Structures are given as C-alpha cells and as structure tokens.
Amino acid sequence: MKHTGKLLSGIFVAAGLMPAVALAACPPPDALKIEKFERSFRQEKTVSGLDKPLRSEGEVSVREDEIIWHMEKPFDVKTVMNASGITQSVDGGAPVAVGPESANIAGGIAKSMASIMRGEWSALARIFAIDKGAAQGDGDWSVALVPHDARLAALMGKIVVHGCTDVSRVDIARPDGDSESISFGPVKP
C-alpha cells in the first residue's frame, strides 16, 4: 500500500510538471530559423453558400522567393509563385501564366507567404499589423496579422499563424465570412 501511495504521488508530481515542460519546449515565434523547406499540407475552406467545406491536400515547398503549392487531392494542380509571376499546371501539364499582371503580385505574395512560414515578422511589419499573442497552455504560440492597407484587409481579413518549433497552422478569416485553415505536416529533411 505504501508503494501505491508513492507511485500515485509521483504520477501527480509528474503530471503537474508536464505543462511547464510543454511551455519550455516551444521557443518564441521570433526564434524560427527555417530558410527553405518541403512539407505536406491539408487545407479546408469554408465558403458561404456551400454546405460543406472544400478540402484539399498536397505538398508545399518554400525557397528564397518562390513557393510551389502542389495540390494533389482532390485534383492535381501545381501553382508556382515567384518574381516572374504565377503559373499553374494541371495534371502534370505545361505551366500556364495566371494573368499578365501577376508578376508584381506574385513576387509580393511569394515573399509574404515565405516570410510567414519562416516567421520573419519584421519583414511582414511593412504590410501587416502584427500581434504576437501569449503562449497558449500547451506552449504553442500564435501571431495575428492584419493588413495595414484597407483594400488588402477587405480582401484578406485576418491571418493567424500557429506554431511551436515551426509554423503548424495558418487560419484566414475573411471579412465576407469565408475562412480557411491550412495545417502543415512536419518539415521534411
């Protein structure tokens, strides 16, 4: 009976320490040091007027100023954003430019998305008001981004980036009520 009491008290002590260990395991969002990566994603979009959310999954690669977003399900669509523009290829076909004016927009989007995924908050401060919330109970952090420009804010709404040792999820809440949530798998070696 004595051993059972010691065992139970040891479990309670360990359980009491576990939240502190979890908090220490997540560095602050400013500590992200990921330059380039590849990882899987799952995306869920809620669109007004549709009964069910739209779901997709695939792989994303982020390099210096380029993002390759390869949706594999439910369709095979590869989107490449870089300073040259935005291209898409469907089912392994030839890349097609998405609008002639896309070069300026794509470069900015690619840089911003890469900065979000890398946690380069100071680079994003020119475009977004940034609120680095307190760590949550499990040690994870979140950073809220709201565009400074009213036109961009009307289009994008609020972006909330969640993570611990890297970005694990990005939630976007648009002013029209539509939203999306993108969850990322671990960074591939």
C-alpha atoms as a PDB file:
ATOM      1  CA  MET A   1       0.000   0.000   0.000  1.00  0.00           C
ATOM      2  CA  LYS A   2       2.884   2.387   0.793  1.00  0.00           C
ATOM      3  CA  HIS A   3       4.353   1.833  -2.656  1.00  0.00           C
ATOM      4  CA  THR A   4       0.992   2.604  -4.306  1.00  0.00           C
ATOM      5  CA  GLY A   5       0.804   5.951  -2.479  1.00  0.00           C
ATOM      6  CA  LYS A   6       4.342   6.871  -3.547  1.00  0.00           C
ATOM      7  CA  LEU A   7       3.583   5.828  -7.098  1.00  0.00           C
ATOM      8  CA  LEU A   8       0.396   7.915  -7.194  1.00  0.00           C
ATOM      9  CA  SER A   9       2.120  10.954  -5.667  1.00  0.00           C
ATOM     10  CA  GLY A  10       4.936  10.544  -8.223  1.00  0.00           C
ATOM     11  CA  ILE A  11       2.390  10.492 -11.038  1.00  0.00           C
ATOM     12  CA  PHE A  12       0.691  13.634  -9.739  1.00  0.00           C
ATOM     13  CA  VAL A  13       4.028  15.435  -9.401  1.00  0.00           C
ATOM     14  CA  ALA A  14       4.999  14.405 -12.922  1.00  0.00           C
ATOM     15  CA  ALA A  15       1.601  15.461 -14.229  1.00  0.00           C
ATOM     16  CA  GLY A  16       1.988  18.826 -12.521  1.00  0.00           C
ATOM     17  CA  LEU A  17       5.353  19.370 -14.166  1.00  0.00           C
ATOM     18  CA  MET A  18       4.249  18.375 -17.652  1.00  0.00           C
ATOM     19  CA  PRO A  19       2.636  21.759 -18.561  1.00  0.00           C
ATOM     20  CA  ALA A  20       5.849  23.545 -17.526  1.00  0.00           C
ATOM     21  CA  VAL A  21       7.886  21.201 -19.715  1.00  0.00           C
ATOM     22  CA  ALA A  22       5.494  21.793 -22.638  1.00  0.00           C
ATOM     23  CA  LEU A  23       5.825  25.561 -22.232  1.00  0.00           C
ATOM     24  CA  ALA A  24       9.610  25.370 -22.242  1.00  0.00           C
ATOM     25  CA  ALA A  25       9.582  23.168 -25.364  1.00  0.00           C
ATOM     26  CA  CYS A  26       8.212  25.927 -27.620  1.00  0.00           C
ATOM     27  CA  PRO A  27      10.589  28.769 -28.385  1.00  0.00           C
ATOM     28  CA  PRO A  28       9.009  32.172 -29.076  1.00  0.00           C
ATOM     29  CA  PRO A  29       7.848  32.842 -32.656  1.00  0.00           C
ATOM     30  CA  ASP A  30      10.854  35.134 -33.212  1.00  0.00           C
ATOM     31  CA  ALA A  31      13.169  32.126 -32.808  1.00  0.00           C
ATOM     32  CA  LEU A  32      12.119  30.379 -36.061  1.00  0.00           C
ATOM     33  CA  LYS A  33      15.160  29.683 -38.231  1.00  0.00           C
ATOM     34  CA  ILE A  34      13.741  27.840 -41.247  1.00  0.00           C
ATOM     35  CA  GLU A  35      15.129  29.089 -44.573  1.00  0.00           C
ATOM     36  CA  LYS A  36      13.634  26.622 -47.032  1.00  0.00           C
ATOM     37  CA  PHE A  37      11.547  23.503 -46.653  1.00  0.00           C
ATOM     38  CA  GLU A  38       9.149  20.985 -48.069  1.00  0.00           C
ATOM     39  CA  ARG A  39       6.144  19.655 -46.173  1.00  0.00           C
ATOM     40  CA  SER A  40       2.663  18.319 -46.632  1.00  0.00           C
ATOM     41  CA  PHE A  41      -0.466  20.412 -46.128  1.00  0.00           C
ATOM     42  CA  ARG A  42      -4.189  19.943 -45.597  1.00  0.00           C
ATOM     43  CA  GLN A  43      -6.430  22.862 -46.434  1.00  0.00           C
ATOM     44  CA  GLU A  44     -10.070  23.378 -45.545  1.00  0.00           C
ATOM     45  CA  LYS A  45     -12.035  26.316 -46.982  1.00  0.00           C
ATOM     46  CA  THR A  46     -15.441  27.341 -45.727  1.00  0.00           C
ATOM     47  CA  VAL A  47     -17.270  29.270 -48.432  1.00  0.00           C
ATOM     48  CA  SER A  48     -20.639  30.944 -47.858  1.00  0.00           C
ATOM     49  CA  GLY A  49     -23.335  29.277 -49.919  1.00  0.00           C
ATOM     50  CA  LEU A  50     -21.717  25.838 -49.773  1.00  0.00           C
ATOM     51  CA  ASP A  51     -22.990  23.257 -47.305  1.00  0.00           C
ATOM     52  CA  LYS A  52     -19.644  21.537 -46.797  1.00  0.00           C
ATOM     53  CA  PRO A  53     -16.114  22.920 -46.623  1.00  0.00           C
ATOM     54  CA  LEU A  54     -13.771  22.418 -49.576  1.00  0.00           C
ATOM     55  CA  ARG A  55     -10.841  20.186 -48.670  1.00  0.00           C
ATOM     56  CA  SER A  56      -7.525  19.692 -50.409  1.00  0.00           C
ATOM     57  CA  GLU A  57      -4.110  18.285 -49.619  1.00  0.00           C
ATOM     58  CA  GLY A  58      -0.671  18.162 -51.135  1.00  0.00           C
ATOM     59  CA  GLU A  59       2.897  19.391 -50.761  1.00  0.00           C
ATOM     60  CA  VAL A  60       4.332  22.888 -50.352  1.00  0.00           C
ATOM     61  CA  SER A  61       7.940  23.918 -50.997  1.00  0.00           C
ATOM     62  CA  VAL A  62       9.271  27.270 -49.876  1.00  0.00           C
ATOM     63  CA  ARG A  63      12.568  28.640 -51.152  1.00  0.00           C
ATOM     64  CA  GLU A  64      14.100  32.136 -51.070  1.00  0.00           C
ATOM     65  CA  ASP A  65      11.467  33.975 -53.147  1.00  0.00           C
ATOM     66  CA  GLU A  66       9.436  31.105 -54.533  1.00  0.00           C
ATOM     67  CA  ILE A  67       6.567  28.985 -53.298  1.00  0.00           C
ATOM     68  CA  ILE A  68       5.474  25.807 -55.014  1.00  0.00           C
ATOM     69  CA  TRP A  69       1.996  24.819 -53.877  1.00  0.00           C
ATOM     70  CA  HIS A  70       1.198  21.382 -55.285  1.00  0.00           C
ATOM     71  CA  MET A  71      -2.373  20.335 -54.549  1.00  0.00           C
ATOM     72  CA  GLU A  72      -2.612  16.609 -55.173  1.00  0.00           C
ATOM     73  CA  LYS A  73      -6.164  15.933 -53.914  1.00  0.00           C
ATOM     74  CA  PRO A  74      -8.927  16.300 -54.999  1.00  0.00           C
ATOM     75  CA  PHE A  75      -7.203  17.495 -58.219  1.00  0.00           C
ATOM     76  CA  ASP A  76      -3.586  17.708 -59.381  1.00  0.00           C
ATOM     77  CA  VAL A  77      -2.809  21.439 -59.632  1.00  0.00           C
ATOM     78  CA  LYS A  78       0.704  22.821 -59.198  1.00  0.00           C
ATOM     79  CA  THR A  79       0.945  26.569 -58.575  1.00  0.00           C
ATOM     80  CA  VAL A  80       4.325  28.308 -58.652  1.00  0.00           C
ATOM     81  CA  MET A  81       4.654  31.872 -57.319  1.00  0.00           C
ATOM     82  CA  ASN A  82       7.858  33.825 -57.792  1.00  0.00           C
ATOM     83  CA  ALA A  83       9.093  37.213 -59.073  1.00  0.00           C
ATOM     84  CA  SER A  84       8.420  36.065 -62.653  1.00  0.00           C
ATOM     85  CA  GLY A  85       4.714  35.594 -61.956  1.00  0.00           C
ATOM     86  CA  ILE A  86       2.221  32.918 -61.048  1.00  0.00           C
ATOM     87  CA  THR A  87       1.933  29.773 -63.138  1.00  0.00           C
ATOM     88  CA  GLN A  88      -0.295  26.754 -62.825  1.00  0.00           C
ATOM     89  CA  SER A  89      -0.135  23.333 -64.361  1.00  0.00           C
ATOM     90  CA  VAL A  90      -2.954  20.799 -64.203  1.00  0.00           C
ATOM     91  CA  ASP A  91      -2.399  17.023 -64.172  1.00  0.00           C
ATOM     92  CA  GLY A  92       1.328  17.434 -64.940  1.00  0.00           C
ATOM     93  CA  GLY A  93       0.694  19.638 -67.988  1.00  0.00           C
ATOM     94  CA  ALA A  94       2.717  22.627 -69.119  1.00  0.00           C
ATOM     95  CA  PRO A  95       2.735  25.646 -66.764  1.00  0.00           C
ATOM     96  CA  VAL A  96       0.337  28.417 -67.809  1.00  0.00           C
ATOM     97  CA  ALA A  97       0.737  32.023 -66.641  1.00  0.00           C
ATOM     98  CA  VAL A  98      -2.058  33.249 -64.411  1.00  0.00           C
ATOM     99  CA  GLY A  99      -2.664  36.763 -65.786  1.00  0.00           C
ATOM    100  CA  PRO A 100      -0.023  39.007 -67.362  1.00  0.00           C
ATOM    101  CA  GLU A 101      -0.030  41.369 -64.393  1.00  0.00           C
ATOM    102  CA  SER A 102       0.721  38.559 -61.957  1.00  0.00           C
ATOM    103  CA  ALA A 103       4.499  39.123 -61.788  1.00  0.00           C
ATOM    104  CA  ASN A 104       4.320  42.070 -59.363  1.00  0.00           C
ATOM    105  CA  ILE A 105       1.561  40.489 -57.306  1.00  0.00           C
ATOM    106  CA  ALA A 106       3.155  37.022 -57.289  1.00  0.00           C
ATOM    107  CA  GLY A 107       6.530  38.264 -56.126  1.00  0.00           C
ATOM    108  CA  GLY A 108       4.863  40.038 -53.207  1.00  0.00           C
ATOM    109  CA  ILE A 109       2.652  37.062 -52.333  1.00  0.00           C
ATOM    110  CA  ALA A 110       5.545  34.612 -52.561  1.00  0.00           C
ATOM    111  CA  LYS A 111       7.734  36.792 -50.347  1.00  0.00           C
ATOM    112  CA  SER A 112       4.946  37.336 -47.801  1.00  0.00           C
ATOM    113  CA  MET A 113       3.981  33.659 -47.641  1.00  0.00           C
ATOM    114  CA  ALA A 114       7.626  32.619 -47.357  1.00  0.00           C
ATOM    115  CA  SER A 115       8.093  35.193 -44.566  1.00  0.00           C
ATOM    116  CA  ILE A 116       5.018  33.851 -42.740  1.00  0.00           C
ATOM    117  CA  MET A 117       6.268  30.279 -42.986  1.00  0.00           C
ATOM    118  CA  ARG A 118       9.761  31.319 -41.811  1.00  0.00           C
ATOM    119  CA  GLY A 119       8.493  33.577 -39.030  1.00  0.00           C
ATOM    120  CA  GLU A 120      10.149  36.700 -40.465  1.00  0.00           C
ATOM    121  CA  TRP A 121       7.813  39.026 -38.588  1.00  0.00           C
ATOM    122  CA  SER A 122       9.895  42.205 -39.040  1.00  0.00           C
ATOM    123  CA  ALA A 123       9.761  41.775 -42.847  1.00  0.00           C
ATOM    124  CA  LEU A 124       5.968  41.422 -42.606  1.00  0.00           C
ATOM    125  CA  ALA A 125       5.558  44.545 -40.433  1.00  0.00           C
ATOM    126  CA  ARG A 126       5.526  46.773 -43.543  1.00  0.00           C
ATOM    127  CA  ILE A 127       2.357  45.028 -44.776  1.00  0.00           C
ATOM    128  CA  PHE A 128       0.676  43.822 -41.580  1.00  0.00           C
ATOM    129  CA  ALA A 129      -0.053  44.950 -38.050  1.00  0.00           C
ATOM    130  CA  ILE A 130       1.439  42.095 -36.020  1.00  0.00           C
ATOM    131  CA  ASP A 131       0.195  40.836 -32.656  1.00  0.00           C
ATOM    132  CA  LYS A 132       2.307  38.119 -31.071  1.00  0.00           C
ATOM    133  CA  GLY A 133      -0.118  36.640 -28.563  1.00  0.00           C
ATOM    134  CA  ALA A 134       0.955  34.977 -25.362  1.00  0.00           C
ATOM    135  CA  ALA A 135       1.875  31.303 -25.452  1.00  0.00           C
ATOM    136  CA  GLN A 136      -1.129  29.032 -25.057  1.00  0.00           C
ATOM    137  CA  GLY A 137      -1.466  26.472 -22.264  1.00  0.00           C
ATOM    138  CA  ASP A 138       0.248  23.793 -24.327  1.00  0.00           C
ATOM    139  CA  GLY A 139       3.195  26.097 -25.063  1.00  0.00           C
ATOM    140  CA  ASP A 140       2.242  26.767 -28.682  1.00  0.00           C
ATOM    141  CA  TRP A 141       2.215  30.396 -29.823  1.00  0.00           C
ATOM    142  CA  SER A 142       0.083  32.361 -32.267  1.00  0.00           C
ATOM    143  CA  VAL A 143       0.761  35.501 -34.279  1.00  0.00           C
ATOM    144  CA  ALA A 144      -2.102  37.569 -35.734  1.00  0.00           C
ATOM    145  CA  LEU A 145      -1.551  39.539 -38.949  1.00  0.00           C
ATOM    146  CA  VAL A 146      -3.944  42.236 -40.152  1.00  0.00           C
ATOM    147  CA  PRO A 147      -3.102  44.161 -43.343  1.00  0.00           C
ATOM    148  CA  HIS A 148      -2.384  47.884 -42.917  1.00  0.00           C
ATOM    149  CA  ASP A 149      -3.941  48.643 -46.328  1.00  0.00           C
ATOM    150  CA  ALA A 150      -7.756  48.781 -46.134  1.00  0.00           C
ATOM    151  CA  ARG A 151      -8.167  47.263 -49.609  1.00  0.00           C
ATOM    152  CA  LEU A 152      -5.952  44.340 -48.736  1.00  0.00           C
ATOM    153  CA  ALA A 153      -7.719  43.947 -45.377  1.00  0.00           C
ATOM    154  CA  ALA A 154     -11.092  43.840 -47.188  1.00  0.00           C
ATOM    155  CA  LEU A 155      -9.745  41.052 -49.383  1.00  0.00           C
ATOM    156  CA  MET A 156      -7.697  39.004 -46.890  1.00  0.00           C
ATOM    157  CA  GLY A 157      -9.094  39.781 -43.474  1.00  0.00           C
ATOM    158  CA  LYS A 158      -7.120  38.465 -40.521  1.00  0.00           C
ATOM    159  CA  ILE A 159      -4.424  35.789 -40.667  1.00  0.00           C
ATOM    160  CA  VAL A 160      -3.471  33.866 -37.539  1.00  0.00           C
ATOM    161  CA  VAL A 161      -0.279  31.807 -37.645  1.00  0.00           C
ATOM    162  CA  HIS A 162       0.082  28.999 -35.068  1.00  0.00           C
ATOM    163  CA  GLY A 163       3.202  27.091 -34.177  1.00  0.00           C
ATOM    164  CA  CYS A 164       5.799  25.834 -31.767  1.00  0.00           C
ATOM    165  CA  THR A 165       9.177  24.951 -33.285  1.00  0.00           C
ATOM    166  CA  ASP A 166       7.810  25.907 -36.723  1.00  0.00           C
ATOM    167  CA  VAL A 167       4.520  27.014 -38.298  1.00  0.00           C
ATOM    168  CA  SER A 168       1.933  24.270 -37.854  1.00  0.00           C
ATOM    169  CA  ARG A 169      -1.282  26.001 -38.989  1.00  0.00           C
ATOM    170  CA  VAL A 170      -2.434  29.180 -40.709  1.00  0.00           C
ATOM    171  CA  ASP A 171      -6.032  30.378 -40.296  1.00  0.00           C
ATOM    172  CA  ILE A 172      -7.509  33.074 -42.514  1.00  0.00           C
ATOM    173  CA  ALA A 173     -10.787  34.802 -41.598  1.00  0.00           C
ATOM    174  CA  ARG A 174     -12.090  36.959 -44.444  1.00  0.00           C
ATOM    175  CA  PRO A 175     -14.475  39.897 -43.917  1.00  0.00           C
ATOM    176  CA  ASP A 176     -17.129  38.237 -46.121  1.00  0.00           C
ATOM    177  CA  GLY A 177     -17.407  35.332 -43.647  1.00  0.00           C
ATOM    178  CA  ASP A 178     -15.379  32.855 -45.720  1.00  0.00           C
ATOM    179  CA  SER A 179     -12.439  31.237 -43.963  1.00  0.00           C
ATOM    180  CA  GLU A 180      -9.716  28.724 -44.467  1.00  0.00           C
ATOM    181  CA  SER A 181      -7.402  26.723 -42.298  1.00  0.00           C
ATOM    182  CA  ILE A 182      -4.164  25.186 -43.557  1.00  0.00           C
ATOM    183  CA  SER A 183      -2.424  22.579 -41.398  1.00  0.00           C
ATOM    184  CA  PHE A 184       1.138  21.573 -42.161  1.00  0.00           C
ATOM    185  CA  GLY A 185       2.940  18.285 -41.645  1.00  0.00           C
ATOM    186  CA  PRO A 186       6.490  18.139 -40.312  1.00  0.00           C
ATOM    187  CA  VAL A 187       9.305  19.693 -42.317  1.00  0.00           C
ATOM    188  CA  LYS A 188      10.904  17.036 -44.499  1.00  0.00           C
ATOM    189  CA  PRO A 189      14.653  16.507 -44.023  1.00  0.00           C
END
